[in-house]
Protein backbone atom coordinates (compact mmCIF):
# COMPACT_ATOMS: atom_id res chain seq x y z
CA MET A 1 0.04 -0.02 0.01
CA SER A 2 1.67 3.13 -1.18
CA CYS A 3 1.43 5.83 1.42
CA SER A 4 2.79 9.09 2.59
CA SER A 5 3.56 9.78 6.29
CA ARG A 6 4.83 12.64 8.39
CA GLU A 7 6.99 11.73 11.40
CA ARG A 8 5.73 12.98 14.69
CA VAL A 9 6.97 13.69 18.25
CA GLY A 10 8.97 10.88 20.01
CA SER A 11 10.30 8.35 18.14
CA SER A 12 -15.96 -2.97 5.54
CA ARG A 13 -17.14 -5.91 7.16
CA LEU A 14 -18.76 -5.34 10.53
CA PRO A 15 -20.61 -7.45 13.04
CA PRO A 16 -24.31 -6.95 13.24
CA ARG A 17 -25.73 -4.72 15.96
CA SER A 18 -27.19 -6.31 19.08
CA ALA A 19 -30.54 -5.21 20.47
CA SER A 20 -28.75 -2.81 22.78
CA GLY A 21 -27.00 -1.07 19.90
CA ALA A 22 -23.56 -2.48 20.42
CA ALA A 23 -22.47 -5.93 19.28
CA ALA A 24 -19.27 -7.64 20.41
CA LEU A 25 -17.56 -10.85 19.69
CA VAL A 26 -14.41 -12.34 21.25
CA ALA A 27 -11.76 -13.93 19.09
CA GLU A 28 -9.07 -15.83 20.84
CA SER A 29 -5.88 -14.86 18.94
CA PRO A 30 -5.10 -17.01 15.84
CA SER A 31 -1.55 -16.95 14.70
CA SER A 32 -1.30 -13.58 12.96
CA LEU A 33 -1.11 -11.41 16.20
CA PRO A 34 -0.49 -12.16 19.83
CA GLY A 35 -3.11 -11.47 22.48
CA ARG A 36 -6.86 -11.50 22.77
CA ARG A 37 -9.20 -9.44 20.52
CA ARG A 38 -12.56 -8.04 21.30
CA LEU A 39 -14.64 -6.38 18.52
CA ALA A 40 -17.50 -4.06 19.03
CA ARG A 41 -19.56 -1.59 17.02
CA LEU A 42 -20.92 1.33 19.03
CA ASP A 43 -24.20 3.06 18.60
CA ASN A 44 -22.70 5.79 16.44
CA GLY A 45 -21.20 3.29 14.06
CA LEU A 46 -17.64 3.38 15.30
CA THR A 47 -15.87 0.05 15.06
CA VAL A 48 -13.69 -0.66 18.07
CA CYS A 49 -11.22 -3.50 18.41
CA LEU A 50 -9.28 -4.21 21.60
CA LEU A 51 -6.05 -6.20 21.34
CA GLU A 52 -5.06 -7.28 24.82
CA ASN A 53 -1.30 -7.97 24.83
CA ARG A 54 0.40 -7.35 28.08
CA GLN A 55 3.96 -7.85 26.80
CA ALA A 56 4.91 -4.29 28.07
CA PRO A 57 3.15 -1.63 30.04
CA VAL A 58 2.40 0.40 26.82
CA VAL A 59 -0.77 1.10 24.79
CA THR A 60 -1.25 2.12 21.21
CA ALA A 61 -4.43 3.85 20.20
CA ALA A 62 -4.88 3.76 16.42
CA LEU A 63 -7.73 5.40 14.38
CA ALA A 64 -8.19 4.51 10.68
CA TYR A 65 -10.51 6.53 8.48
CA ARG A 66 -11.73 4.90 5.20
CA ALA A 67 -10.56 8.00 3.23
CA GLY A 68 -7.61 8.22 0.84
CA THR A 69 -6.70 9.31 -2.61
CA ARG A 70 -9.46 7.20 -4.12
CA ASP A 71 -12.06 9.38 -2.30
CA GLU A 72 -10.69 12.80 -3.36
CA PRO A 73 -12.82 15.18 -5.53
CA ALA A 74 -11.75 15.79 -9.06
CA GLY A 75 -9.04 18.47 -9.37
CA HIS A 76 -8.17 18.30 -5.69
CA GLY A 77 -5.58 15.49 -5.55
CA GLY A 78 -3.73 15.42 -2.36
CA THR A 79 -6.74 16.41 -0.22
CA ALA A 80 -6.60 13.45 2.10
CA HIS A 81 -2.88 13.91 2.75
CA PHE A 82 -3.33 17.63 3.25
CA LEU A 83 -6.05 17.00 5.87
CA GLU A 84 -3.80 14.47 7.62
CA HIS A 85 -1.39 17.37 8.19
CA MET A 86 -4.11 19.68 9.34
CA MET A 87 -5.33 17.31 11.99
CA PHE A 88 -2.32 18.41 13.98
CA LYS A 89 -2.81 22.12 13.36
CA GLY A 90 -5.57 23.08 15.73
CA SER A 91 -8.89 21.90 17.12
CA ALA A 92 -11.38 23.26 19.73
CA ARG A 93 -9.17 22.17 22.70
CA PHE A 94 -5.70 21.87 21.16
CA GLY A 95 -4.09 24.77 19.34
CA PRO A 96 -1.49 24.50 16.63
CA GLY A 97 1.39 22.38 17.86
CA GLU A 98 -0.30 21.46 21.12
CA ILE A 99 -0.89 17.84 20.26
CA ASP A 100 2.77 17.23 19.70
CA ARG A 101 3.75 19.22 22.82
CA ARG A 102 1.17 17.24 24.85
CA THR A 103 2.40 13.94 23.46
CA GLN A 104 6.01 14.74 24.24
CA ALA A 105 5.17 16.01 27.77
CA LEU A 106 3.54 12.62 28.60
CA GLY A 107 6.53 10.72 27.14
CA GLY A 108 4.63 9.36 24.18
CA ALA A 109 4.94 9.35 20.37
CA ASN A 110 2.45 9.98 17.55
CA ASN A 111 2.38 9.53 13.84
CA ALA A 112 0.07 9.32 10.84
CA PHE A 113 0.03 8.24 7.23
CA THR A 114 -2.19 8.46 4.12
CA SER A 115 -2.57 5.89 1.41
CA GLN A 116 -4.80 5.38 -1.60
CA ASP A 117 -7.42 3.71 0.64
CA LEU A 118 -6.97 4.89 4.22
CA THR A 119 -5.65 7.59 6.55
CA VAL A 120 -4.45 6.26 9.87
CA TYR A 121 -3.35 8.14 13.05
CA TYR A 122 -1.75 6.48 16.06
CA PHE A 123 -0.49 7.37 19.60
CA ASN A 124 1.86 5.32 21.78
CA PHE A 125 1.67 5.97 25.52
CA ALA A 126 2.46 4.34 28.80
CA ALA A 127 -0.50 2.24 30.00
CA ASP A 128 -1.45 4.78 32.73
CA ARG A 129 -1.97 7.66 30.31
CA TRP A 130 -3.11 6.28 27.06
CA THR A 131 -6.69 7.81 27.23
CA GLU A 132 -5.14 11.21 26.33
CA ALA A 133 -5.15 9.78 22.75
CA LEU A 134 -8.93 9.42 22.92
CA ALA A 135 -9.35 12.94 24.11
CA ILE A 136 -7.26 14.25 21.16
CA GLU A 137 -8.98 12.15 18.57
CA THR A 138 -12.44 13.09 19.83
CA ASP A 139 -11.59 16.78 19.73
CA ARG A 140 -10.19 16.84 16.26
CA MET A 141 -12.87 14.65 14.83
CA SER A 142 -15.59 17.00 16.20
CA GLY A 143 -13.92 20.34 16.20
CA LEU A 144 -11.09 20.71 13.71
CA THR A 145 -10.23 24.38 13.29
CA LEU A 146 -8.82 24.64 9.79
CA ASP A 147 -7.61 28.26 10.27
CA PRO A 148 -6.83 29.66 6.73
CA ALA A 149 -3.43 30.95 7.89
CA GLU A 150 -2.50 27.47 9.13
CA VAL A 151 -3.78 25.94 5.91
CA GLU A 152 -1.54 28.29 3.90
CA SER A 153 1.43 27.55 6.15
CA GLU A 154 0.98 23.80 5.80
CA ARG A 155 0.51 24.08 1.98
CA GLN A 156 4.10 25.28 1.88
CA VAL A 157 5.29 22.35 3.93
CA ILE A 158 3.63 19.94 1.48
CA LEU A 159 5.10 21.79 -1.54
CA GLU A 160 8.50 21.20 -0.05
CA GLU A 161 7.59 17.57 0.52
CA ILE A 162 6.58 17.21 -3.21
CA ALA A 163 9.92 18.82 -4.12
CA MET A 164 11.69 16.22 -2.12
CA TYR A 165 9.81 13.43 -3.85
CA ASP A 166 10.61 14.96 -7.20
CA SER A 167 14.38 15.14 -6.43
CA GLU A 168 14.70 11.55 -4.91
CA PRO A 169 15.18 9.16 -7.74
CA TRP A 170 13.33 6.22 -6.28
CA ASP A 171 10.26 8.30 -5.16
CA ALA A 172 10.14 9.95 -8.55
CA LEU A 173 10.42 6.70 -10.42
CA GLU A 174 7.63 5.07 -8.33
CA VAL A 175 5.30 7.96 -8.98
CA ALA A 176 5.90 7.82 -12.68
CA VAL A 177 5.46 4.13 -12.94
CA ALA A 178 2.22 4.04 -10.93
CA ALA A 179 0.82 6.86 -12.98
CA ARG A 180 1.50 4.93 -16.21
CA LEU A 181 0.14 1.63 -14.81
CA PHE A 182 -3.04 2.86 -13.22
CA LEU A 183 -4.26 6.18 -14.74
CA PRO A 184 -6.89 7.37 -14.78
CA HIS A 185 -7.69 5.39 -11.72
CA PRO A 186 -6.96 7.17 -8.48
CA TYR A 187 -4.15 4.73 -7.69
CA GLY A 188 -2.22 6.37 -10.51
CA ARG A 189 -2.24 9.69 -8.72
CA PRO A 190 0.38 10.83 -6.17
CA VAL A 191 -0.78 10.80 -2.59
CA LEU A 192 0.69 14.21 -2.12
CA GLY A 193 -1.14 15.60 -5.12
CA THR A 194 0.53 17.92 -7.70
CA ARG A 195 1.50 21.50 -7.23
CA ALA A 196 -1.43 22.75 -9.31
CA GLU A 197 -3.92 20.61 -7.36
CA LEU A 198 -2.48 21.72 -4.05
CA ALA A 199 -3.09 25.36 -5.03
CA ALA A 200 -6.77 24.71 -5.46
CA ILE A 201 -7.25 23.18 -1.98
CA ASP A 202 -8.46 25.72 0.58
CA ALA A 203 -10.00 25.43 4.05
CA GLY A 204 -13.44 24.87 2.46
CA VAL A 205 -12.20 21.82 0.46
CA LEU A 206 -10.59 20.38 3.58
CA ARG A 207 -13.60 21.00 5.68
CA ASP A 208 -15.95 19.30 3.21
CA PHE A 209 -13.63 16.24 3.08
CA HIS A 210 -13.51 16.15 6.90
CA ARG A 211 -17.20 16.47 7.14
CA ARG A 212 -17.82 13.64 4.70
CA PHE A 213 -15.36 11.09 5.89
CA TYR A 214 -14.11 11.93 9.39
CA ARG A 215 -17.09 10.53 11.21
CA PRO A 216 -17.26 7.67 13.69
CA ASP A 217 -19.28 5.45 11.30
CA ASN A 218 -16.40 5.72 8.78
CA ALA A 219 -13.60 4.80 11.34
CA VAL A 220 -12.00 2.02 13.10
CA CYS A 221 -10.44 2.47 16.47
CA ILE A 222 -7.78 0.01 17.72
CA VAL A 223 -6.63 -0.01 21.35
CA ALA A 224 -3.74 -2.49 21.68
CA GLY A 225 -1.30 -3.33 24.55
CA ASP A 226 -1.70 -3.37 28.29
CA VAL A 227 -5.42 -3.00 28.32
CA GLY A 228 -8.51 -4.98 29.37
CA ASP A 229 -12.26 -4.66 29.07
CA GLU A 230 -12.27 -1.21 30.71
CA ALA A 231 -10.67 0.29 27.49
CA LEU A 232 -14.05 -0.22 25.58
CA ALA A 233 -15.78 2.02 28.24
CA GLU A 234 -13.13 4.73 27.73
CA VAL A 235 -13.77 4.61 23.90
CA ARG A 236 -17.62 4.91 24.57
CA LYS A 237 -17.16 7.94 26.84
CA THR A 238 -15.13 9.83 24.23
CA LEU A 239 -15.37 8.85 20.47
CA GLY A 240 -18.61 7.04 21.31
CA THR A 241 -20.41 10.29 22.04
CA LEU A 242 -19.92 11.76 18.61
CA PRO A 243 -22.74 11.74 15.99
CA PRO A 244 -22.54 9.65 12.89
CA GLY A 245 -23.09 11.05 9.38
CA ALA A 246 -20.35 9.84 7.08
CA ALA A 247 -20.98 10.03 3.33
CA PRO A 248 -21.24 6.61 1.53
CA ARG A 249 -18.07 5.47 0.11
CA ALA A 250 -17.83 4.21 -3.37
CA GLY A 251 -17.15 0.42 -3.61
CA PRO A 252 -14.08 -1.07 -5.20
CA THR A 253 -13.61 0.11 -8.72
CA PRO A 254 -10.88 -1.66 -10.70
CA PRO A 255 -9.17 0.49 -13.32
CA GLU A 256 -11.00 0.74 -16.64
CA ARG A 257 -7.86 0.22 -18.62
CA LEU A 258 -4.41 -1.07 -17.94
CA PRO A 259 -1.39 -1.31 -20.31
CA ALA A 260 -2.03 -3.76 -23.14
CA GLY A 261 1.65 -4.96 -23.08
CA LEU A 262 4.95 -4.12 -21.61
CA VAL A 263 5.35 -0.37 -21.53
CA ARG A 264 8.69 1.19 -20.95
CA LEU A 265 9.59 4.60 -19.52
CA THR A 266 12.92 6.24 -18.81
CA ARG A 267 13.85 9.10 -16.59
CA ARG A 268 17.20 10.81 -16.11
CA LYS A 269 17.86 11.42 -12.41
CA GLY A 270 20.57 10.49 -9.88
CA GLU A 271 24.03 8.94 -10.39
CA VAL A 272 23.20 5.26 -10.74
CA ALA A 273 20.75 3.17 -12.80
CA ARG A 274 17.57 2.07 -11.03
CA LEU A 275 14.82 -0.40 -12.36
CA LEU A 276 11.32 -0.64 -11.21
CA LEU A 277 8.99 -3.19 -12.84
CA SER A 278 5.28 -2.91 -11.93
CA LEU A 279 2.40 -5.26 -12.75
CA PRO A 280 -1.27 -5.26 -11.73
CA GLY A 281 -1.79 -7.81 -8.88
CA PRO A 282 -4.60 -9.21 -6.81
CA ALA A 283 -6.43 -7.02 -4.36
CA GLY A 284 -5.62 -7.43 -0.69
CA ASP A 285 -8.53 -9.85 0.06
CA HIS A 286 -8.34 -11.81 -3.12
CA PRO A 287 -7.63 -15.53 -2.70
CA ASP A 288 -4.56 -15.14 -5.08
CA HIS A 289 -2.89 -12.52 -2.82
CA ALA A 290 -1.12 -14.85 -0.44
CA PRO A 291 0.29 -17.12 -3.29
CA MET A 292 1.32 -13.87 -5.01
CA ARG A 293 3.16 -12.82 -1.89
CA LEU A 294 5.04 -16.11 -1.91
CA LEU A 295 5.95 -15.50 -5.61
CA THR A 296 7.42 -12.07 -4.81
CA THR A 297 9.37 -13.53 -1.98
CA LEU A 298 10.63 -16.37 -4.11
CA LEU A 299 11.64 -13.91 -6.78
CA ALA A 300 13.35 -11.18 -4.83
CA GLY A 301 12.54 -11.36 -1.14
CA GLY A 302 15.72 -11.75 0.86
CA ARG A 303 19.21 -13.26 0.35
CA THR A 304 17.93 -16.65 -0.76
CA SER A 305 15.70 -15.31 -3.41
CA ARG A 306 16.47 -16.01 -7.20
CA LEU A 307 17.24 -12.47 -8.12
CA HIS A 308 19.38 -11.64 -5.18
CA ARG A 309 21.37 -14.80 -5.57
CA LEU A 310 21.93 -14.13 -9.25
CA LEU A 311 22.26 -10.38 -9.51
CA VAL A 312 23.82 -9.49 -6.12
CA ASP A 313 25.76 -12.50 -4.90
CA GLU A 314 26.89 -14.36 -8.00
CA ARG A 315 27.20 -11.81 -10.73
CA GLN A 316 27.55 -8.69 -8.56
CA GLU A 317 25.59 -6.68 -11.02
CA CYS A 318 23.27 -5.00 -8.51
CA VAL A 319 23.71 -3.36 -5.15
CA PHE A 320 20.32 -4.66 -4.11
CA VAL A 321 17.15 -6.22 -5.58
CA GLY A 322 13.73 -6.47 -3.93
CA ALA A 323 10.05 -7.16 -4.56
CA ASP A 324 6.79 -6.26 -2.98
CA LEU A 325 3.08 -6.64 -3.22
CA ASN A 326 0.68 -4.09 -1.77
CA ASP A 327 -2.70 -4.59 -0.08
CA ASN A 328 -4.90 -2.17 -1.99
CA LEU A 329 -8.71 -2.40 -1.92
CA ASP A 330 -9.43 -2.03 -5.65
CA ILE A 331 -6.43 -3.74 -7.34
CA GLY A 332 -3.04 -4.74 -6.13
CA GLN A 333 0.42 -3.82 -7.48
CA THR A 334 3.49 -6.13 -7.76
CA THR A 335 6.78 -4.28 -7.89
CA VAL A 336 10.43 -5.54 -8.47
CA ALA A 337 13.21 -2.97 -7.85
CA ALA A 338 16.86 -3.13 -8.51
CA GLU A 339 19.84 -0.73 -8.22
CA VAL A 340 22.62 -1.45 -10.77
CA VAL A 341 26.27 -1.48 -9.89
CA PRO A 342 28.01 1.43 -11.73
CA GLY A 343 29.54 0.26 -14.96
CA VAL A 344 27.13 -2.65 -15.44
CA GLU A 345 24.96 -2.47 -18.58
CA PRO A 346 21.38 -1.99 -17.50
CA ALA A 347 20.06 -4.24 -20.26
CA ARG A 348 21.84 -7.23 -18.66
CA VAL A 349 19.93 -6.71 -15.46
CA GLU A 350 16.70 -6.29 -17.29
CA ASP A 351 17.21 -9.50 -19.34
CA THR A 352 17.93 -11.42 -16.20
CA LEU A 353 14.83 -10.07 -14.46
CA LEU A 354 12.49 -10.86 -17.26
CA ALA A 355 13.97 -14.34 -17.78
CA GLU A 356 13.47 -15.29 -14.19
CA ILE A 357 9.91 -14.04 -14.23
CA ALA A 358 9.26 -16.03 -17.40
CA ASP A 359 10.65 -19.12 -15.70
CA LEU A 360 8.20 -18.67 -12.79
CA VAL A 361 5.43 -18.52 -15.33
CA ARG A 362 6.67 -21.55 -17.28
CA ARG A 363 7.09 -24.05 -14.43
CA PRO A 364 6.27 -24.34 -10.72
CA PRO A 365 8.96 -23.85 -8.13
CA GLU A 366 10.62 -26.85 -6.47
CA ALA A 367 9.35 -27.86 -3.10
CA ALA A 368 12.40 -26.79 -1.10
CA GLU A 369 12.45 -23.38 -2.79
CA LEU A 370 8.76 -22.83 -2.06
CA GLU A 371 9.38 -23.89 1.64
CA ARG A 372 12.25 -21.38 1.96
CA ALA A 373 9.96 -18.60 0.55
CA ARG A 374 7.24 -19.56 2.95
CA GLN A 375 9.50 -19.43 5.94
CA VAL A 376 10.89 -16.00 4.85
CA ALA A 377 7.44 -14.51 4.31
CA ILE A 378 6.14 -15.79 7.67
CA ALA A 379 9.29 -14.57 9.51
CA ASP A 380 8.94 -11.14 7.82
CA TRP A 381 5.44 -10.94 9.25
CA VAL A 382 6.48 -12.00 12.69
CA PHE A 383 9.49 -9.69 12.91
CA GLY A 384 7.46 -6.82 11.52
CA HIS A 385 4.95 -7.11 14.32
CA GLU A 386 7.08 -7.45 17.43
CA LYS A 387 5.99 -4.01 18.76
CA VAL A 388 2.51 -3.20 19.96
CA HIS A 389 2.12 -0.19 17.67
CA GLU A 390 3.03 -2.33 14.63
CA GLN A 391 0.33 -4.78 15.65
CA ALA A 392 -2.20 -1.97 16.20
CA VAL A 393 -1.62 -0.40 12.77
CA SER A 394 -1.78 -3.70 10.85
CA LEU A 395 -5.00 -4.56 12.71
CA ALA A 396 -6.43 -1.16 11.89
CA THR A 397 -5.66 -1.41 8.11
CA GLY A 398 -6.86 -4.98 7.93
CA LEU A 399 -10.06 -4.40 9.82
CA ALA A 400 -10.99 -1.13 8.14
CA LEU A 401 -10.63 -2.61 4.61
CA PHE A 402 -11.15 -6.35 4.84
CA GLY A 403 -12.37 -7.57 8.19
CA LEU A 404 -11.11 -8.72 11.55
CA GLU A 405 -9.65 -12.02 10.44
CA HIS A 406 -7.98 -10.70 7.26
CA TRP A 407 -4.43 -11.31 8.41
CA ASP A 408 -5.29 -14.62 9.91
CA ARG A 409 -6.68 -15.76 6.64
CA HIS A 410 -3.51 -14.37 4.79
CA LEU A 411 -1.14 -16.27 7.00
CA ARG A 412 -3.11 -19.48 6.69
CA SER A 413 -2.99 -19.11 2.93
CA LEU A 414 0.69 -18.63 3.06
CA GLN A 415 0.99 -21.89 5.00
CA GLU A 416 -1.32 -23.82 2.66
CA ALA A 417 -0.23 -22.65 -0.79
CA THR A 418 1.25 -25.39 -3.05
CA ALA A 419 3.68 -25.16 -5.92
CA GLU A 420 0.91 -25.84 -8.29
CA ARG A 421 -1.14 -23.01 -6.83
CA LEU A 422 1.80 -20.66 -7.28
CA HIS A 423 2.26 -21.78 -10.81
CA GLU A 424 -1.35 -20.98 -11.53
CA VAL A 425 -1.14 -17.58 -9.95
CA ALA A 426 2.12 -16.79 -11.71
CA GLY A 427 0.40 -17.43 -15.03
CA ARG A 428 -2.34 -15.02 -14.17
CA TYR A 429 -0.18 -12.09 -12.84
CA LEU A 430 3.36 -12.37 -13.94
CA ARG A 431 2.97 -12.36 -17.69
CA VAL A 432 4.67 -9.04 -18.48
CA GLU A 433 3.55 -9.10 -22.08
CA GLY A 434 -0.06 -8.98 -20.80
CA GLY A 435 0.40 -5.54 -19.19
CA ALA A 436 3.23 -4.12 -17.11
CA VAL A 437 5.30 -1.01 -16.79
CA LEU A 438 9.11 -1.22 -16.70
CA GLY A 439 10.71 2.06 -15.58
CA TRP A 440 14.37 3.02 -15.62
CA SER A 441 15.88 5.90 -13.76
CA LEU A 442 19.26 6.32 -15.49
CA PRO A 443 22.13 8.63 -14.56
CA ARG A 444 21.89 12.19 -15.79
CA ALA A 445 23.71 12.74 -19.01
CA GLU A 446 26.26 14.92 -17.36
CA ASP A 447 27.11 12.17 -14.97
CA GLN A 448 27.98 9.81 -17.85
CA GLY A 449 30.65 11.94 -19.46
């Protein structure tokens, strides 16, 4: 899931309502996350999930809104990300900068990020003071200020952020490749928006987006860590008091058109050659998603992968090579990236990459290779969720988009996928001639002389 985040201080499918207006279910933790989960939907439509995991006396409160670039009005790209910034720039009780100062004073940390499908905010606090996060979230959901002077000031910050993306070779290449793969679908638009679009966003545009999407019935609240049943009562006393009223969100809308074959694009930026291959992939909740995750791991996920072994270890033609698969709501995106060693002909790297992909399409992997990829993929998940805040954010994104047991299903599918299943999925998604974008960021001409 492509996203944009701003560092902060310090470091859907829902259950039916009960007759009392709040339904809850208890799920003893499957393998994806430690601890015990409790899911509830409050009277105002807010979905709340408690993840009781007392590994340390800390609590993360995460709030995910189903609002991202796919929900932005025409001509106002970047609105979701702009509003993410403004959520820290003043509300009824907390003036500009006070949220960060209050977080720091309490020894906590906060952060936020915007993607195509979601905007997520989270606070990390010691277990004896975590409810301050609920007070902050309640205030800025109900009383965001959006002072025009603060809007203008933050516009300049985001313009600088856009300039940094433009000047960084990998970021610029990623934006260009996504645009060519997905446009006119919103997934082809940069999360930050363009300079022209940013100029058209004022306090009124931001206020309308906030009014439509920043409502409890369009949000998921996760409280994870050293908490028990009392945490649900705390959420009810704060976020649970706010009125619903979110605008309906459009359902998944796959792109109307994708590249008909292998499309190439070339940029001149930086001092070394960089390759980024991007193909349409399965959506995050599609049955093919987990097998496709194993294919990306097998291809370029870690030191035992095919491309790392060939291009980095044996031939020493690349500094690194990696692959990823995002978890989008509408349609997925598979990417393979490589940075070429200076002096190596880029075409050699491209030929090797395409040949290895073709081999995955042509024949299933050997059992031992599949098992290595499976262990790497599962280990990546485990190591990436050692901390409570990592668990909370993953639970927030999975629940907001796909349901409470999304990650459990995903890990079970990783464990159950066979070589024949991978071969079938490779034939469906890894045929580059069926539609893909291969982007090169090559050294500037002056750097080659």
